[in-house]
PDB file of N, CA and C in Angstrom:
ATOM      1  N   PRO A   1      13.551  -4.059  -3.863  1.00  0.00           N
ATOM      2  CA  PRO A   1      12.124  -4.100  -3.563  1.00  0.00           C
ATOM      3  C   PRO A   1      11.281  -3.910  -4.813  1.00  0.00           C
ATOM      4  N   SER A   2      10.058  -4.343  -4.733  1.00  0.00           N
ATOM      5  CA  SER A   2       9.093  -4.086  -5.805  1.00  0.00           C
ATOM      6  C   SER A   2       8.576  -2.673  -5.612  1.00  0.00           C
ATOM      7  N   ILE A   3       8.665  -1.858  -6.660  1.00  0.00           N
ATOM      8  CA  ILE A   3       8.240  -0.467  -6.565  1.00  0.00           C
ATOM      9  C   ILE A   3       7.152  -0.216  -7.591  1.00  0.00           C
ATOM     10  N   PHE A   4       6.020   0.289  -7.132  1.00  0.00           N
ATOM     11  CA  PHE A   4       4.890   0.572  -8.001  1.00  0.00           C
ATOM     12  C   PHE A   4       4.503   2.031  -7.857  1.00  0.00           C
ATOM     13  N   SER A   5       4.290   2.707  -8.980  1.00  0.00           N
ATOM     14  CA  SER A   5       3.777   4.075  -8.953  1.00  0.00           C
ATOM     15  C   SER A   5       2.628   4.172  -9.931  1.00  0.00           C
ATOM     16  N   GLY A   6       1.492   4.655  -9.466  1.00  0.00           N
ATOM     17  CA  GLY A   6       0.301   4.720 -10.302  1.00  0.00           C
ATOM     18  C   GLY A   6       0.136   6.032 -11.022  1.00  0.00           C
ATOM     19  N   ARG A   7       1.157   6.856 -11.038  1.00  0.00           N
ATOM     20  CA  ARG A   7       1.018   8.162 -11.674  1.00  0.00           C
ATOM     21  C   ARG A   7       0.565   8.049 -13.127  1.00  0.00           C
ATOM     22  N   ASP A   8       1.009   7.008 -13.823  1.00  0.00           N
ATOM     23  CA  ASP A   8       0.664   6.865 -15.224  1.00  0.00           C
ATOM     24  C   ASP A   8      -0.797   6.475 -15.452  1.00  0.00           C
ATOM     25  N   ILE A   9      -1.489   5.992 -14.429  1.00  0.00           N
ATOM     26  CA  ILE A   9      -2.907   5.615 -14.591  1.00  0.00           C
ATOM     27  C   ILE A   9      -3.816   6.460 -13.713  1.00  0.00           C
ATOM     28  N   ARG A  10      -3.307   7.535 -13.179  1.00  0.00           N
ATOM     29  CA  ARG A  10      -4.073   8.361 -12.254  1.00  0.00           C
ATOM     30  C   ARG A  10      -5.393   8.829 -12.863  1.00  0.00           C
ATOM     31  N   ASP A  11      -5.429   9.090 -14.160  1.00  0.00           N
ATOM     32  CA  ASP A  11      -6.640   9.610 -14.796  1.00  0.00           C
ATOM     33  C   ASP A  11      -7.705   8.546 -15.043  1.00  0.00           C
ATOM     34  N   GLU A  12      -7.343   7.285 -14.895  1.00  0.00           N
ATOM     35  CA  GLU A  12      -8.320   6.217 -15.076  1.00  0.00           C
ATOM     36  C   GLU A  12      -9.054   6.005 -13.750  1.00  0.00           C
ATOM     37  N   LYS A  13     -10.257   6.536 -13.633  1.00  0.00           N
ATOM     38  CA  LYS A  13     -10.965   6.560 -12.355  1.00  0.00           C
ATOM     39  C   LYS A  13     -11.243   5.173 -11.782  1.00  0.00           C
ATOM     40  N   ASN A  14     -11.389   4.167 -12.625  1.00  0.00           N
ATOM     41  CA  ASN A  14     -11.708   2.827 -12.144  1.00  0.00           C
ATOM     42  C   ASN A  14     -10.475   1.930 -12.034  1.00  0.00           C
ATOM     43  N   ALA A  15      -9.290   2.503 -12.204  1.00  0.00           N
ATOM     44  CA  ALA A  15      -8.067   1.705 -12.113  1.00  0.00           C
ATOM     45  C   ALA A  15      -7.884   1.242 -10.669  1.00  0.00           C
ATOM     46  N   ARG A  16      -7.927  -0.058 -10.467  1.00  0.00           N
ATOM     47  CA  ARG A  16      -7.822  -0.627  -9.120  1.00  0.00           C
ATOM     48  C   ARG A  16      -7.168  -1.991  -9.230  1.00  0.00           C
ATOM     49  N   ILE A  17      -6.237  -2.244  -8.341  1.00  0.00           N
ATOM     50  CA  ILE A  17      -5.538  -3.522  -8.317  1.00  0.00           C
ATOM     51  C   ILE A  17      -6.201  -4.407  -7.267  1.00  0.00           C
ATOM     52  N   ARG A  18      -6.431  -5.645  -7.622  1.00  0.00           N
ATOM     53  CA  ARG A  18      -7.078  -6.571  -6.688  1.00  0.00           C
ATOM     54  C   ARG A  18      -6.128  -6.987  -5.567  1.00  0.00           C
ATOM     55  N   GLU A  19      -4.897  -7.407  -5.913  1.00  0.00           N
ATOM     56  CA  GLU A  19      -3.969  -7.875  -4.882  1.00  0.00           C
ATOM     57  C   GLU A  19      -2.523  -7.720  -5.359  1.00  0.00           C
ATOM     58  N   ILE A  20      -1.658  -7.295  -4.433  1.00  0.00           N
ATOM     59  CA  ILE A  20      -0.217  -7.244  -4.677  1.00  0.00           C
ATOM     60  C   ILE A  20       0.447  -8.018  -3.563  1.00  0.00           C
ATOM     61  N   GLU A  21       1.396  -8.886  -3.931  1.00  0.00           N
ATOM     62  CA  GLU A  21       2.141  -9.649  -2.936  1.00  0.00           C
ATOM     63  C   GLU A  21       3.624  -9.564  -3.263  1.00  0.00           C
ATOM     64  N   ALA A  22       4.443  -9.161  -2.277  1.00  0.00           N
ATOM     65  CA  ALA A  22       5.885  -9.035  -2.460  1.00  0.00           C
ATOM     66  C   ALA A  22       6.569  -9.038  -1.106  1.00  0.00           C
ATOM     67  N   ASN A  23       7.826  -9.468  -1.064  1.00  0.00           N
ATOM     68  CA  ASN A  23       8.581  -9.414   0.193  1.00  0.00           C
ATOM     69  C   ASN A  23       8.806  -7.971   0.616  1.00  0.00           C
ATOM     70  N   LYS A  24       9.347  -7.162  -0.288  1.00  0.00           N
ATOM     71  CA  LYS A  24       9.572  -5.737  -0.025  1.00  0.00           C
ATOM     72  C   LYS A  24       8.791  -4.956  -1.057  1.00  0.00           C
ATOM     73  N   LEU A  25       7.925  -4.080  -0.592  1.00  0.00           N
ATOM     74  CA  LEU A  25       7.027  -3.373  -1.492  1.00  0.00           C
ATOM     75  C   LEU A  25       6.985  -1.891  -1.153  1.00  0.00           C
ATOM     76  N   VAL A  26       7.152  -1.054  -2.170  1.00  0.00           N
ATOM     77  CA  VAL A  26       6.976   0.386  -2.053  1.00  0.00           C
ATOM     78  C   VAL A  26       5.930   0.762  -3.093  1.00  0.00           C
ATOM     79  N   ILE A  27       4.834   1.374  -2.675  1.00  0.00           N
ATOM     80  CA  ILE A  27       3.736   1.684  -3.590  1.00  0.00           C
ATOM     81  C   ILE A  27       3.275   3.122  -3.373  1.00  0.00           C
ATOM     82  N   GLU A  28       2.883   3.782  -4.459  1.00  0.00           N
ATOM     83  CA  GLU A  28       2.438   5.170  -4.376  1.00  0.00           C
ATOM     84  C   GLU A  28       1.384   5.421  -5.461  1.00  0.00           C
ATOM     85  N   ASP A  29       0.334   6.173  -5.098  1.00  0.00           N
ATOM     86  CA  ASP A  29      -0.700   6.615  -6.055  1.00  0.00           C
ATOM     87  C   ASP A  29      -1.503   5.479  -6.681  1.00  0.00           C
ATOM     88  N   TYR A  30      -1.776   4.428  -5.934  1.00  0.00           N
ATOM     89  CA  TYR A  30      -2.596   3.326  -6.429  1.00  0.00           C
ATOM     90  C   TYR A  30      -3.787   3.085  -5.515  1.00  0.00           C
ATOM     91  N   SER A  31      -4.811   2.490  -6.076  1.00  0.00           N
ATOM     92  CA  SER A  31      -5.949   1.984  -5.322  1.00  0.00           C
ATOM     93  C   SER A  31      -5.847   0.460  -5.360  1.00  0.00           C
ATOM     94  N   VAL A  32      -5.767  -0.158  -4.168  1.00  0.00           N
ATOM     95  CA  VAL A  32      -5.523  -1.599  -4.077  1.00  0.00           C
ATOM     96  C   VAL A  32      -6.493  -2.219  -3.078  1.00  0.00           C
ATOM     97  N   HIS A  33      -7.039  -3.382  -3.442  1.00  0.00           N
ATOM     98  CA  HIS A  33      -7.913  -4.091  -2.508  1.00  0.00           C
ATOM     99  C   HIS A  33      -7.090  -4.712  -1.371  1.00  0.00           C
ATOM    100  N   LYS A  34      -6.020  -5.476  -1.706  1.00  0.00           N
ATOM    101  CA  LYS A  34      -5.254  -6.152  -0.653  1.00  0.00           C
ATOM    102  C   LYS A  34      -3.766  -6.137  -0.985  1.00  0.00           C
ATOM    103  N   ILE A  35      -2.955  -5.800   0.032  1.00  0.00           N
ATOM    104  CA  ILE A  35      -1.502  -5.848  -0.068  1.00  0.00           C
ATOM    105  C   ILE A  35      -0.991  -6.853   0.950  1.00  0.00           C
ATOM    106  N   ILE A  36      -0.123  -7.756   0.487  1.00  0.00           N
ATOM    107  CA  ILE A  36       0.491  -8.756   1.348  1.00  0.00           C
ATOM    108  C   ILE A  36       2.003  -8.631   1.185  1.00  0.00           C
ATOM    109  N   GLY A  37       2.735  -8.477   2.293  1.00  0.00           N
ATOM    110  CA  GLY A  37       4.180  -8.367   2.169  1.00  0.00           C
ATOM    111  C   GLY A  37       4.894  -8.458   3.496  1.00  0.00           C
ATOM    112  N   LYS A  38       6.206  -8.541   3.407  1.00  0.00           N
ATOM    113  CA  LYS A  38       7.037  -8.575   4.597  1.00  0.00           C
ATOM    114  C   LYS A  38       7.311  -7.141   5.061  1.00  0.00           C
ATOM    115  N   ASP A  39       7.973  -6.357   4.221  1.00  0.00           N
ATOM    116  CA  ASP A  39       8.249  -4.948   4.500  1.00  0.00           C
ATOM    117  C   ASP A  39       7.462  -4.111   3.495  1.00  0.00           C
ATOM    118  N   VAL A  40       6.483  -3.359   3.977  1.00  0.00           N
ATOM    119  CA  VAL A  40       5.566  -2.634   3.103  1.00  0.00           C
ATOM    120  C   VAL A  40       5.629  -1.136   3.385  1.00  0.00           C
ATOM    121  N   VAL A  41       5.758  -0.343   2.312  1.00  0.00           N
ATOM    122  CA  VAL A  41       5.704   1.119   2.403  1.00  0.00           C
ATOM    123  C   VAL A  41       4.572   1.582   1.494  1.00  0.00           C
ATOM    124  N   ILE A  42       3.565   2.237   2.089  1.00  0.00           N
ATOM    125  CA  ILE A  42       2.419   2.741   1.343  1.00  0.00           C
ATOM    126  C   ILE A  42       2.554   4.258   1.281  1.00  0.00           C
ATOM    127  N   GLY A  43       2.795   4.763   0.081  1.00  0.00           N
ATOM    128  CA  GLY A  43       3.072   6.181  -0.093  1.00  0.00           C
ATOM    129  C   GLY A  43       1.833   7.023  -0.307  1.00  0.00           C
ATOM    130  N   LYS A  44       2.086   8.318  -0.528  1.00  0.00           N
ATOM    131  CA  LYS A  44       0.998   9.281  -0.691  1.00  0.00           C
ATOM    132  C   LYS A  44       0.130   8.911  -1.888  1.00  0.00           C
ATOM    133  N   GLY A  45      -1.139   9.223  -1.755  1.00  0.00           N
ATOM    134  CA  GLY A  45      -2.080   8.981  -2.829  1.00  0.00           C
ATOM    135  C   GLY A  45      -2.662   7.585  -2.890  1.00  0.00           C
ATOM    136  N   CYS A  46      -2.228   6.686  -2.019  1.00  0.00           N
ATOM    137  CA  CYS A  46      -2.749   5.310  -2.041  1.00  0.00           C
ATOM    138  C   CYS A  46      -4.070   5.212  -1.289  1.00  0.00           C
ATOM    139  N   VAL A  47      -4.928   4.337  -1.791  1.00  0.00           N
ATOM    140  CA  VAL A  47      -6.154   3.953  -1.103  1.00  0.00           C
ATOM    141  C   VAL A  47      -6.133   2.430  -1.053  1.00  0.00           C
ATOM    142  N   VAL A  48      -6.074   1.872   0.161  1.00  0.00           N
ATOM    143  CA  VAL A  48      -5.907   0.433   0.336  1.00  0.00           C
ATOM    144  C   VAL A  48      -6.981  -0.086   1.281  1.00  0.00           C
ATOM    145  N   ASP A  49      -7.619  -1.198   0.895  1.00  0.00           N
ATOM    146  CA  ASP A  49      -8.639  -1.801   1.755  1.00  0.00           C
ATOM    147  C   ASP A  49      -8.021  -2.625   2.884  1.00  0.00           C
ATOM    148  N   LYS A  50      -7.088  -3.544   2.558  1.00  0.00           N
ATOM    149  CA  LYS A  50      -6.488  -4.422   3.566  1.00  0.00           C
ATOM    150  C   LYS A  50      -4.989  -4.509   3.358  1.00  0.00           C
ATOM    151  N   VAL A  51      -4.249  -4.537   4.480  1.00  0.00           N
ATOM    152  CA  VAL A  51      -2.805  -4.726   4.440  1.00  0.00           C
ATOM    153  C   VAL A  51      -2.427  -5.841   5.401  1.00  0.00           C
ATOM    154  N   ILE A  52      -1.643  -6.780   4.902  1.00  0.00           N
ATOM    155  CA  ILE A  52      -1.054  -7.816   5.742  1.00  0.00           C
ATOM    156  C   ILE A  52       0.455  -7.658   5.612  1.00  0.00           C
ATOM    157  N   ALA A  53       1.115  -7.178   6.673  1.00  0.00           N
ATOM    158  CA  ALA A  53       2.563  -7.006   6.690  1.00  0.00           C
ATOM    159  C   ALA A  53       3.128  -7.850   7.823  1.00  0.00           C
ATOM    160  N   THR A  54       4.208  -8.582   7.553  1.00  0.00           N
ATOM    161  CA  THR A  54       4.738  -9.489   8.566  1.00  0.00           C
ATOM    162  C   THR A  54       5.958  -8.947   9.306  1.00  0.00           C
ATOM    163  N   ALA A  55       6.637  -7.913   8.773  1.00  0.00           N
ATOM    164  CA  ALA A  55       7.828  -7.390   9.455  1.00  0.00           C
ATOM    165  C   ALA A  55       7.707  -5.891   9.740  1.00  0.00           C
ATOM    166  N   SER A  56       7.422  -5.077   8.715  1.00  0.00           N
ATOM    167  CA  SER A  56       7.298  -3.633   8.936  1.00  0.00           C
ATOM    168  C   SER A  56       6.247  -3.050   8.004  1.00  0.00           C
ATOM    169  N   LEU A  57       5.600  -1.985   8.489  1.00  0.00           N
ATOM    170  CA  LEU A  57       4.554  -1.310   7.717  1.00  0.00           C
ATOM    171  C   LEU A  57       4.686   0.189   7.929  1.00  0.00           C
ATOM    172  N   LYS A  58       4.995   0.906   6.852  1.00  0.00           N
ATOM    173  CA  LYS A  58       5.104   2.359   6.897  1.00  0.00           C
ATOM    174  C   LYS A  58       4.040   2.944   5.978  1.00  0.00           C
ATOM    175  N   ILE A  59       3.309   3.938   6.490  1.00  0.00           N
ATOM    176  CA  ILE A  59       2.189   4.519   5.749  1.00  0.00           C
ATOM    177  C   ILE A  59       2.328   6.033   5.739  1.00  0.00           C
ATOM    178  N   HIS A  60       2.248   6.620   4.553  1.00  0.00           N
ATOM    179  CA  HIS A  60       2.261   8.080   4.440  1.00  0.00           C
ATOM    180  C   HIS A  60       0.987   8.620   5.084  1.00  0.00           C
ATOM    181  N   ARG A  61       1.082   9.754   5.739  1.00  0.00           N
ATOM    182  CA  ARG A  61      -0.077  10.322   6.455  1.00  0.00           C
ATOM    183  C   ARG A  61      -1.256  10.651   5.548  1.00  0.00           C
ATOM    184  N   THR A  62      -1.015  10.867   4.252  1.00  0.00           N
ATOM    185  CA  THR A  62      -2.124  11.174   3.342  1.00  0.00           C
ATOM    186  C   THR A  62      -2.717   9.940   2.680  1.00  0.00           C
ATOM    187  N   ALA A  63      -2.109   8.775   2.875  1.00  0.00           N
ATOM    188  CA  ALA A  63      -2.654   7.531   2.319  1.00  0.00           C
ATOM    189  C   ALA A  63      -3.859   7.084   3.149  1.00  0.00           C
ATOM    190  N   GLN A  64      -4.760   6.367   2.512  1.00  0.00           N
ATOM    191  CA  GLN A  64      -5.945   5.844   3.195  1.00  0.00           C
ATOM    192  C   GLN A  64      -5.844   4.321   3.267  1.00  0.00           C
ATOM    193  N   VAL A  65      -5.725   3.793   4.481  1.00  0.00           N
ATOM    194  CA  VAL A  65      -5.673   2.350   4.692  1.00  0.00           C
ATOM    195  C   VAL A  65      -6.799   1.990   5.641  1.00  0.00           C
ATOM    196  N   LYS A  66      -7.704   1.128   5.186  1.00  0.00           N
ATOM    197  CA  LYS A  66      -8.911   0.827   5.960  1.00  0.00           C
ATOM    198  C   LYS A  66      -8.714  -0.238   7.027  1.00  0.00           C
ATOM    199  N   ASP A  67      -7.892  -1.279   6.753  1.00  0.00           N
ATOM    200  CA  ASP A  67      -7.799  -2.396   7.684  1.00  0.00           C
ATOM    201  C   ASP A  67      -6.382  -2.966   7.701  1.00  0.00           C
ATOM    202  N   PHE A  68      -5.865  -3.245   8.910  1.00  0.00           N
ATOM    203  CA  PHE A  68      -4.562  -3.877   9.097  1.00  0.00           C
ATOM    204  C   PHE A  68      -4.806  -5.270   9.662  1.00  0.00           C
ATOM    205  N   ILE A  69      -4.170  -6.265   9.076  1.00  0.00           N
ATOM    206  CA  ILE A  69      -4.313  -7.634   9.551  1.00  0.00           C
ATOM    207  C   ILE A  69      -2.941  -8.101  10.031  1.00  0.00           C
ATOM    208  N   GLY A  70      -2.889  -8.677  11.204  1.00  0.00           N
ATOM    209  CA  GLY A  70      -1.624  -9.152  11.747  1.00  0.00           C
ATOM    210  C   GLY A  70      -1.187  -8.324  12.939  1.00  0.00           C
ATOM    211  N   SER A  71       0.022  -8.623  13.437  1.00  0.00           N
ATOM    212  CA  SER A  71       0.494  -7.988  14.661  1.00  0.00           C
ATOM    213  C   SER A  71       1.423  -6.807  14.425  1.00  0.00           C
ATOM    214  N   VAL A  72       1.736  -6.474  13.183  1.00  0.00           N
ATOM    215  CA  VAL A  72       2.651  -5.376  12.892  1.00  0.00           C
ATOM    216  C   VAL A  72       1.893  -4.044  13.012  1.00  0.00           C
ATOM    217  N   MET A  73       2.397  -3.177  13.846  1.00  0.00           N
ATOM    218  CA  MET A  73       1.788  -1.856  14.011  1.00  0.00           C
ATOM    219  C   MET A  73       2.354  -0.904  12.958  1.00  0.00           C
ATOM    220  N   PRO A  74       1.488  -0.097  12.343  1.00  0.00           N
ATOM    221  CA  PRO A  74       1.971   0.823  11.310  1.00  0.00           C
ATOM    222  C   PRO A  74       2.759   1.991  11.894  1.00  0.00           C
ATOM    223  N   GLU A  75       3.735   2.433  11.112  1.00  0.00           N
ATOM    224  CA  GLU A  75       4.516   3.617  11.436  1.00  0.00           C
ATOM    225  C   GLU A  75       4.151   4.660  10.369  1.00  0.00           C
ATOM    226  N   TYR A  76       3.763   5.846  10.789  1.00  0.00           N
ATOM    227  CA  TYR A  76       3.326   6.875   9.845  1.00  0.00           C
ATOM    228  C   TYR A  76       4.446   7.847   9.539  1.00  0.00           C
ATOM    229  N   PHE A  77       4.506   8.312   8.282  1.00  0.00           N
ATOM    230  CA  PHE A  77       5.549   9.266   7.880  1.00  0.00           C
ATOM    231  C   PHE A  77       4.951  10.335   6.976  1.00  0.00           C
ATOM    232  N   GLU A  78       5.723  11.418   6.771  1.00  0.00           N
ATOM    233  CA  GLU A  78       5.290  12.504   5.878  1.00  0.00           C
ATOM    234  C   GLU A  78       6.296  12.685   4.773  1.00  0.00           C
TER     235      GLU A  78
END
């Protein structure tokens, strides 16, 4: 899977990714406008505007996700 961790840019207040697209994606500590993927895991510290997941969507309880697009229901974890 594609694994992204924003810990190295946490101090950059305006650090924001416009779009990430991957089949399998694990992301943590990033601010992202749109995520598109098949199997998506959004970890703690993420702030996401839109998520499009086609197979599975797991979201950490402390992550902020504003909008889900599609028929996949999110599963929350700690």
